């Protein structure tokens, strides 16, 4: 991202899952990352923060991830 102010949104869906990601960035003197993800994906938060901090030097960054499983994996 070249500018400190920006917005991005992406969606993915297949037959078993739906994923929506929203990223907002605002001008700020320091890097301030906020991550809002489902508790079931909480283990990914450190990796998400690391990826963002590797690509963004400063600004207020808000990432929101929504995940929904559409069908259960049932094995017989």
PDB file of N, CA and C in Angstrom:
ATOM      1  N   UNK A   1       0.853  -1.166   0.000  1.00  0.00           N
ATOM      2  CA  UNK A   1       0.000   0.000   0.000  1.00  0.00           C
ATOM      3  C   UNK A   1       0.899   1.229   0.000  1.00  0.00           C
ATOM      4  N   UNK A   2       0.694   2.138  -0.935  1.00  0.00           N
ATOM      5  CA  UNK A   2       1.534   3.324  -1.073  1.00  0.00           C
ATOM      6  C   UNK A   2       1.055   4.471  -0.191  1.00  0.00           C
ATOM      7  N   UNK A   3      -0.232   4.627  -0.031  1.00  0.00           N
ATOM      8  CA  UNK A   3      -0.804   5.698   0.768  1.00  0.00           C
ATOM      9  C   UNK A   3      -1.093   5.192   2.177  1.00  0.00           C
ATOM     10  N   UNK A   4      -1.154   6.122   3.146  1.00  0.00           N
ATOM     11  CA  UNK A   4      -1.483   5.711   4.504  1.00  0.00           C
ATOM     12  C   UNK A   4      -2.985   5.638   4.724  1.00  0.00           C
ATOM     13  N   UNK A   5      -3.764   6.113   3.772  1.00  0.00           N
ATOM     14  CA  UNK A   5      -5.211   6.042   3.886  1.00  0.00           C
ATOM     15  C   UNK A   5      -5.724   5.130   2.783  1.00  0.00           C
ATOM     16  N   UNK A   6      -6.480   4.106   3.168  1.00  0.00           N
ATOM     17  CA  UNK A   6      -6.974   3.178   2.161  1.00  0.00           C
ATOM     18  C   UNK A   6      -8.010   2.233   2.729  1.00  0.00           C
ATOM     19  N   UNK A   7      -8.666   1.523   1.807  1.00  0.00           N
ATOM     20  CA  UNK A   7      -9.704   0.580   2.164  1.00  0.00           C
ATOM     21  C   UNK A   7      -9.641  -0.576   1.188  1.00  0.00           C
ATOM     22  N   UNK A   8      -9.776  -1.783   1.690  1.00  0.00           N
ATOM     23  CA  UNK A   8      -9.818  -2.958   0.833  1.00  0.00           C
ATOM     24  C   UNK A   8     -10.823  -3.959   1.361  1.00  0.00           C
ATOM     25  N   UNK A   9     -11.474  -4.676   0.440  1.00  0.00           N
ATOM     26  CA  UNK A   9     -12.462  -5.665   0.812  1.00  0.00           C
ATOM     27  C   UNK A   9     -12.357  -6.822  -0.165  1.00  0.00           C
ATOM     28  N   UNK A  10     -12.412  -8.038   0.356  1.00  0.00           N
ATOM     29  CA  UNK A  10     -12.387  -9.216  -0.493  1.00  0.00           C
ATOM     30  C   UNK A  10     -13.243 -10.312   0.090  1.00  0.00           C
ATOM     31  N   UNK A  11     -13.807 -11.132  -0.787  1.00  0.00           N
ATOM     32  CA  UNK A  11     -14.645 -12.256  -0.365  1.00  0.00           C
ATOM     33  C   UNK A  11     -14.217 -13.511  -1.098  1.00  0.00           C
ATOM     34  N   UNK A  12     -14.395 -14.631  -0.428  1.00  0.00           N
ATOM     35  CA  UNK A  12     -14.158 -15.942  -1.019  1.00  0.00           C
ATOM     36  C   UNK A  12     -15.253 -16.870  -0.524  1.00  0.00           C
ATOM     37  N   UNK A  13     -15.756 -17.705  -1.433  1.00  0.00           N
ATOM     38  CA  UNK A  13     -16.764 -18.686  -1.026  1.00  0.00           C
ATOM     39  C   UNK A  13     -16.648 -19.901  -1.927  1.00  0.00           C
ATOM     40  N   UNK A  14     -16.741 -21.060  -1.311  1.00  0.00           N
ATOM     41  CA  UNK A  14     -16.895 -22.306  -2.045  1.00  0.00           C
ATOM     42  C   UNK A  14     -18.046 -23.073  -1.407  1.00  0.00           C
ATOM     43  N   UNK A  15     -18.188 -24.335  -1.733  1.00  0.00           N
ATOM     44  CA  UNK A  15     -19.351 -25.075  -1.234  1.00  0.00           C
ATOM     45  C   UNK A  15     -19.332 -25.319   0.262  1.00  0.00           C
ATOM     46  N   UNK A  16     -18.179 -25.180   0.915  1.00  0.00           N
ATOM     47  CA  UNK A  16     -18.118 -25.492   2.344  1.00  0.00           C
ATOM     48  C   UNK A  16     -17.804 -24.303   3.262  1.00  0.00           C
ATOM     49  N   UNK A  17     -17.346 -23.171   2.713  1.00  0.00           N
ATOM     50  CA  UNK A  17     -16.973 -22.054   3.577  1.00  0.00           C
ATOM     51  C   UNK A  17     -17.135 -20.703   2.877  1.00  0.00           C
ATOM     52  N   UNK A  18     -17.262 -19.691   3.715  1.00  0.00           N
ATOM     53  CA  UNK A  18     -17.395 -18.321   3.233  1.00  0.00           C
ATOM     54  C   UNK A  18     -16.456 -17.444   4.071  1.00  0.00           C
ATOM     55  N   UNK A  19     -15.706 -16.578   3.408  1.00  0.00           N
ATOM     56  CA  UNK A  19     -14.710 -15.746   4.057  1.00  0.00           C
ATOM     57  C   UNK A  19     -14.821 -14.326   3.512  1.00  0.00           C
ATOM     58  N   UNK A  20     -14.818 -13.336   4.413  1.00  0.00           N
ATOM     59  CA  UNK A  20     -14.844 -11.922   4.019  1.00  0.00           C
ATOM     60  C   UNK A  20     -13.766 -11.195   4.811  1.00  0.00           C
ATOM     61  N   UNK A  21     -12.944 -10.416   4.126  1.00  0.00           N
ATOM     62  CA  UNK A  21     -11.846  -9.692   4.744  1.00  0.00           C
ATOM     63  C   UNK A  21     -11.974  -8.210   4.395  1.00  0.00           C
ATOM     64  N   UNK A  22     -11.863  -7.378   5.418  1.00  0.00           N
ATOM     65  CA  UNK A  22     -11.927  -5.932   5.236  1.00  0.00           C
ATOM     66  C   UNK A  22     -10.694  -5.318   5.890  1.00  0.00           C
ATOM     67  N   UNK A  23     -10.035  -4.416   5.182  1.00  0.00           N
ATOM     68  CA  UNK A  23      -8.827  -3.768   5.686  1.00  0.00           C
ATOM     69  C   UNK A  23      -8.976  -2.264   5.519  1.00  0.00           C
ATOM     70  N   UNK A  24      -8.821  -1.527   6.620  1.00  0.00           N
ATOM     71  CA  UNK A  24      -8.895  -0.067   6.606  1.00  0.00           C
ATOM     72  C   UNK A  24      -7.592   0.483   7.156  1.00  0.00           C
ATOM     73  N   UNK A  25      -7.071   1.513   6.523  1.00  0.00           N
ATOM     74  CA  UNK A  25      -5.834   2.151   6.979  1.00  0.00           C
ATOM     75  C   UNK A  25      -6.039   3.660   7.044  1.00  0.00           C
ATOM     76  N   UNK A  26      -5.576   4.255   8.132  1.00  0.00           N
ATOM     77  CA  UNK A  26      -5.692   5.690   8.351  1.00  0.00           C
ATOM     78  C   UNK A  26      -4.318   6.255   8.676  1.00  0.00           C
ATOM     79  N   UNK A  27      -4.147   7.531   8.408  1.00  0.00           N
ATOM     80  CA  UNK A  27      -2.902   8.204   8.721  1.00  0.00           C
ATOM     81  C   UNK A  27      -2.683   8.225  10.234  1.00  0.00           C
ATOM     82  N   UNK A  28      -1.493   7.849  10.659  1.00  0.00           N
ATOM     83  CA  UNK A  28      -1.117   7.868  12.064  1.00  0.00           C
ATOM     84  C   UNK A  28       0.404   7.913  12.123  1.00  0.00           C
ATOM     85  N   UNK A  29       0.935   8.528  13.121  1.00  0.00           N
ATOM     86  CA  UNK A  29       2.384   8.668  13.233  1.00  0.00           C
ATOM     87  C   UNK A  29       3.089   7.338  13.466  1.00  0.00           C
ATOM     88  N   UNK A  30       2.452   6.451  14.206  1.00  0.00           N
ATOM     89  CA  UNK A  30       3.037   5.155  14.533  1.00  0.00           C
ATOM     90  C   UNK A  30       2.195   4.046  13.935  1.00  0.00           C
ATOM     91  N   UNK A  31       2.701   2.837  13.961  1.00  0.00           N
ATOM     92  CA  UNK A  31       1.944   1.681  13.494  1.00  0.00           C
ATOM     93  C   UNK A  31       1.054   1.171  14.623  1.00  0.00           C
ATOM     94  N   UNK A  32      -0.237   1.139  14.369  1.00  0.00           N
ATOM     95  CA  UNK A  32      -1.227   0.682  15.345  1.00  0.00           C
ATOM     96  C   UNK A  32      -2.136  -0.311  14.619  1.00  0.00           C
ATOM     97  N   UNK A  33      -1.989  -1.592  14.916  1.00  0.00           N
ATOM     98  CA  UNK A  33      -2.724  -2.647  14.218  1.00  0.00           C
ATOM     99  C   UNK A  33      -3.828  -3.183  15.111  1.00  0.00           C
ATOM    100  N   UNK A  34      -5.045  -3.187  14.585  1.00  0.00           N
ATOM    101  CA  UNK A  34      -6.186  -3.794  15.265  1.00  0.00           C
ATOM    102  C   UNK A  34      -6.685  -4.962  14.430  1.00  0.00           C
ATOM    103  N   UNK A  35      -6.874  -6.110  15.067  1.00  0.00           N
ATOM    104  CA  UNK A  35      -7.300  -7.320  14.359  1.00  0.00           C
ATOM    105  C   UNK A  35      -8.584  -7.827  14.995  1.00  0.00           C
ATOM    106  N   UNK A  36      -9.607  -7.989  14.182  1.00  0.00           N
ATOM    107  CA  UNK A  36     -10.890  -8.512  14.640  1.00  0.00           C
ATOM    108  C   UNK A  36     -11.174  -9.788  13.846  1.00  0.00           C
ATOM    109  N   UNK A  37     -10.969 -10.947  14.506  1.00  0.00           N
ATOM    110  CA  UNK A  37     -11.198 -12.228  13.854  1.00  0.00           C
ATOM    111  C   UNK A  37     -12.009 -13.122  14.783  1.00  0.00           C
ATOM    112  N   UNK A  38     -12.675 -14.132  14.232  1.00  0.00           N
ATOM    113  CA  UNK A  38     -13.425 -15.056  15.090  1.00  0.00           C
ATOM    114  C   UNK A  38     -12.495 -15.771  16.075  1.00  0.00           C
ATOM    115  N   UNK A  39     -13.021 -16.084  17.238  1.00  0.00           N
ATOM    116  CA  UNK A  39     -12.202 -16.747  18.262  1.00  0.00           C
ATOM    117  C   UNK A  39     -11.680 -18.101  17.789  1.00  0.00           C
ATOM    118  N   UNK A  40     -12.402 -18.745  16.892  1.00  0.00           N
ATOM    119  CA  UNK A  40     -11.938 -20.046  16.380  1.00  0.00           C
ATOM    120  C   UNK A  40     -10.672 -19.904  15.532  1.00  0.00           C
ATOM    121  N   UNK A  41     -10.377 -18.697  15.054  1.00  0.00           N
ATOM    122  CA  UNK A  41      -9.178 -18.449  14.254  1.00  0.00           C
ATOM    123  C   UNK A  41      -8.138 -17.646  15.034  1.00  0.00           C
ATOM    124  N   UNK A  42      -8.299 -17.568  16.343  1.00  0.00           N
ATOM    125  CA  UNK A  42      -7.434 -16.758  17.188  1.00  0.00           C
ATOM    126  C   UNK A  42      -5.951 -17.086  17.078  1.00  0.00           C
ATOM    127  N   UNK A  43      -5.620 -18.324  16.775  1.00  0.00           N
ATOM    128  CA  UNK A  43      -4.210 -18.708  16.641  1.00  0.00           C
ATOM    129  C   UNK A  43      -3.534 -18.019  15.457  1.00  0.00           C
ATOM    130  N   UNK A  44      -4.325 -17.496  14.511  1.00  0.00           N
ATOM    131  CA  UNK A  44      -3.763 -16.817  13.347  1.00  0.00           C
ATOM    132  C   UNK A  44      -3.390 -15.365  13.620  1.00  0.00           C
ATOM    133  N   UNK A  45      -3.860 -14.794  14.723  1.00  0.00           N
ATOM    134  CA  UNK A  45      -3.645 -13.371  14.977  1.00  0.00           C
ATOM    135  C   UNK A  45      -2.174 -12.954  14.977  1.00  0.00           C
ATOM    136  N   UNK A  46      -1.259 -13.656  15.647  1.00  0.00           N
ATOM    137  CA  UNK A  46       0.149 -13.235  15.594  1.00  0.00           C
ATOM    138  C   UNK A  46       0.722 -13.242  14.173  1.00  0.00           C
ATOM    139  N   UNK A  47       0.328 -14.221  13.395  1.00  0.00           N
ATOM    140  CA  UNK A  47       0.815 -14.289  12.009  1.00  0.00           C
ATOM    141  C   UNK A  47       0.242 -13.146  11.173  1.00  0.00           C
ATOM    142  N   UNK A  48      -1.022 -12.823  11.366  1.00  0.00           N
ATOM    143  CA  UNK A  48      -1.644 -11.703  10.652  1.00  0.00           C
ATOM    144  C   UNK A  48      -0.945 -10.400  11.013  1.00  0.00           C
ATOM    145  N   UNK A  49      -0.705 -10.186  12.300  1.00  0.00           N
ATOM    146  CA  UNK A  49      -0.004  -8.968  12.747  1.00  0.00           C
ATOM    147  C   UNK A  49       1.393  -8.878  12.144  1.00  0.00           C
ATOM    148  N   UNK A  50       2.082  -9.998  12.090  1.00  0.00           N
ATOM    149  CA  UNK A  50       3.431 -10.029  11.520  1.00  0.00           C
ATOM    150  C   UNK A  50       3.396  -9.692  10.026  1.00  0.00           C
ATOM    151  N   UNK A  51       2.471 -10.277   9.294  1.00  0.00           N
ATOM    152  CA  UNK A  51       2.349  -9.991   7.859  1.00  0.00           C
ATOM    153  C   UNK A  51       2.062  -8.507   7.615  1.00  0.00           C
ATOM    154  N   UNK A  52       1.143  -7.946   8.402  1.00  0.00           N
ATOM    155  CA  UNK A  52       0.815  -6.531   8.228  1.00  0.00           C
ATOM    156  C   UNK A  52       2.000  -5.633   8.560  1.00  0.00           C
ATOM    157  N   UNK A  53       2.685  -5.929   9.655  1.00  0.00           N
ATOM    158  CA  UNK A  53       3.803  -5.068  10.054  1.00  0.00           C
ATOM    159  C   UNK A  53       4.995  -5.191   9.097  1.00  0.00           C
ATOM    160  N   UNK A  54       5.094  -6.294   8.357  1.00  0.00           N
ATOM    161  CA  UNK A  54       6.146  -6.436   7.354  1.00  0.00           C
ATOM    162  C   UNK A  54       5.875  -5.607   6.106  1.00  0.00           C
ATOM    163  N   UNK A  55       4.611  -5.249   5.870  1.00  0.00           N
ATOM    164  CA  UNK A  55       4.247  -4.528   4.647  1.00  0.00           C
ATOM    165  C   UNK A  55       3.798  -3.087   4.885  1.00  0.00           C
ATOM    166  N   UNK A  56       3.499  -2.744   6.125  1.00  0.00           N
ATOM    167  CA  UNK A  56       3.011  -1.399   6.439  1.00  0.00           C
ATOM    168  C   UNK A  56       3.914  -0.811   7.518  1.00  0.00           C
ATOM    169  N   UNK A  57       4.445   0.360   7.273  1.00  0.00           N
ATOM    170  CA  UNK A  57       5.402   0.962   8.209  1.00  0.00           C
ATOM    171  C   UNK A  57       4.736   1.808   9.289  1.00  0.00           C
ATOM    172  N   UNK A  58       3.683   2.524   8.938  1.00  0.00           N
ATOM    173  CA  UNK A  58       3.023   3.369   9.928  1.00  0.00           C
ATOM    174  C   UNK A  58       1.567   3.567   9.534  1.00  0.00           C
ATOM    175  N   UNK A  59       0.764   3.996  10.508  1.00  0.00           N
ATOM    176  CA  UNK A  59      -0.657   4.222  10.283  1.00  0.00           C
ATOM    177  C   UNK A  59      -1.493   3.363  11.218  1.00  0.00           C
ATOM    178  N   UNK A  60      -2.762   3.694  11.296  1.00  0.00           N
ATOM    179  CA  UNK A  60      -3.716   2.881  12.063  1.00  0.00           C
ATOM    180  C   UNK A  60      -4.340   1.905  11.079  1.00  0.00           C
ATOM    181  N   UNK A  61      -4.202   0.630  11.380  1.00  0.00           N
ATOM    182  CA  UNK A  61      -4.664  -0.430  10.488  1.00  0.00           C
ATOM    183  C   UNK A  61      -5.723  -1.244  11.215  1.00  0.00           C
ATOM    184  N   UNK A  62      -6.879  -1.415  10.581  1.00  0.00           N
ATOM    185  CA  UNK A  62      -7.962  -2.224  11.148  1.00  0.00           C
ATOM    186  C   UNK A  62      -8.273  -3.353  10.181  1.00  0.00           C
ATOM    187  N   UNK A  63      -8.085  -4.580  10.635  1.00  0.00           N
ATOM    188  CA  UNK A  63      -8.390  -5.750   9.826  1.00  0.00           C
ATOM    189  C   UNK A  63      -9.570  -6.482  10.456  1.00  0.00           C
ATOM    190  N   UNK A  64     -10.551  -6.789   9.640  1.00  0.00           N
ATOM    191  CA  UNK A  64     -11.721  -7.528  10.108  1.00  0.00           C
ATOM    192  C   UNK A  64     -11.900  -8.750   9.211  1.00  0.00           C
ATOM    193  N   UNK A  65     -11.958  -9.914   9.827  1.00  0.00           N
ATOM    194  CA  UNK A  65     -12.121 -11.157   9.093  1.00  0.00           C
ATOM    195  C   UNK A  65     -13.374 -11.855   9.593  1.00  0.00           C
ATOM    196  N   UNK A  66     -14.238 -12.217   8.665  1.00  0.00           N
ATOM    197  CA  UNK A  66     -15.451 -12.961   9.007  1.00  0.00           C
ATOM    198  C   UNK A  66     -15.395 -14.292   8.282  1.00  0.00           C
ATOM    199  N   UNK A  67     -15.630 -15.363   9.039  1.00  0.00           N
ATOM    200  CA  UNK A  67     -15.559 -16.713   8.503  1.00  0.00           C
ATOM    201  C   UNK A  67     -16.822 -17.471   8.883  1.00  0.00           C
ATOM    202  N   UNK A  68     -17.345 -18.187   7.921  1.00  0.00           N
ATOM    203  CA  UNK A  68     -18.533 -19.003   8.182  1.00  0.00           C
ATOM    204  C   UNK A  68     -18.389 -20.335   7.464  1.00  0.00           C
ATOM    205  N   UNK A  69     -18.542 -21.399   8.227  1.00  0.00           N
ATOM    206  CA  UNK A  69     -18.542 -22.738   7.630  1.00  0.00           C
ATOM    207  C   UNK A  69     -19.958 -23.040   7.169  1.00  0.00           C
ATOM    208  N   UNK A  70     -20.113 -23.352   5.880  1.00  0.00           N
ATOM    209  CA  UNK A  70     -21.444 -23.548   5.319  1.00  0.00           C
ATOM    210  C   UNK A  70     -21.960 -24.963   5.495  1.00  0.00           C
ATOM    211  N   UNK A  71     -21.069 -25.943   5.520  1.00  0.00           N
ATOM    212  CA  UNK A  71     -21.495 -27.315   5.765  1.00  0.00           C
ATOM    213  C   UNK A  71     -20.441 -28.041   6.564  1.00  0.00           C
ATOM    214  N   UNK A  72     -20.881 -28.928   7.388  1.00  0.00           N
ATOM    215  CA  UNK A  72     -19.989 -29.701   8.245  1.00  0.00           C
ATOM    216  C   UNK A  72     -19.322 -30.809   7.420  1.00  0.00           C
ATOM    217  N   UNK A  73     -18.080 -31.085   7.769  1.00  0.00           N
ATOM    218  CA  UNK A  73     -17.367 -32.215   7.164  1.00  0.00           C
ATOM    219  C   UNK A  73     -17.761 -33.480   7.938  1.00  0.00           C
ATOM    220  N   UNK A  74     -18.599 -34.267   7.339  1.00  0.00           N
ATOM    221  CA  UNK A  74     -19.107 -35.473   8.005  1.00  0.00           C
ATOM    222  C   UNK A  74     -18.508 -36.695   7.312  1.00  0.00           C
ATOM    223  N   UNK A  75     -17.865 -37.537   8.094  1.00  0.00           N
ATOM    224  CA  UNK A  75     -17.283 -38.777   7.545  1.00  0.00           C
ATOM    225  C   UNK A  75     -18.094 -39.959   8.067  1.00  0.00           C
ATOM    226  N   UNK A  76     -18.426 -40.863   7.170  1.00  0.00           N
ATOM    227  CA  UNK A  76     -19.191 -42.067   7.546  1.00  0.00           C
ATOM    228  C   UNK A  76     -18.302 -43.275   7.538  1.00  0.00           C
TER     229      UNK A  76
END
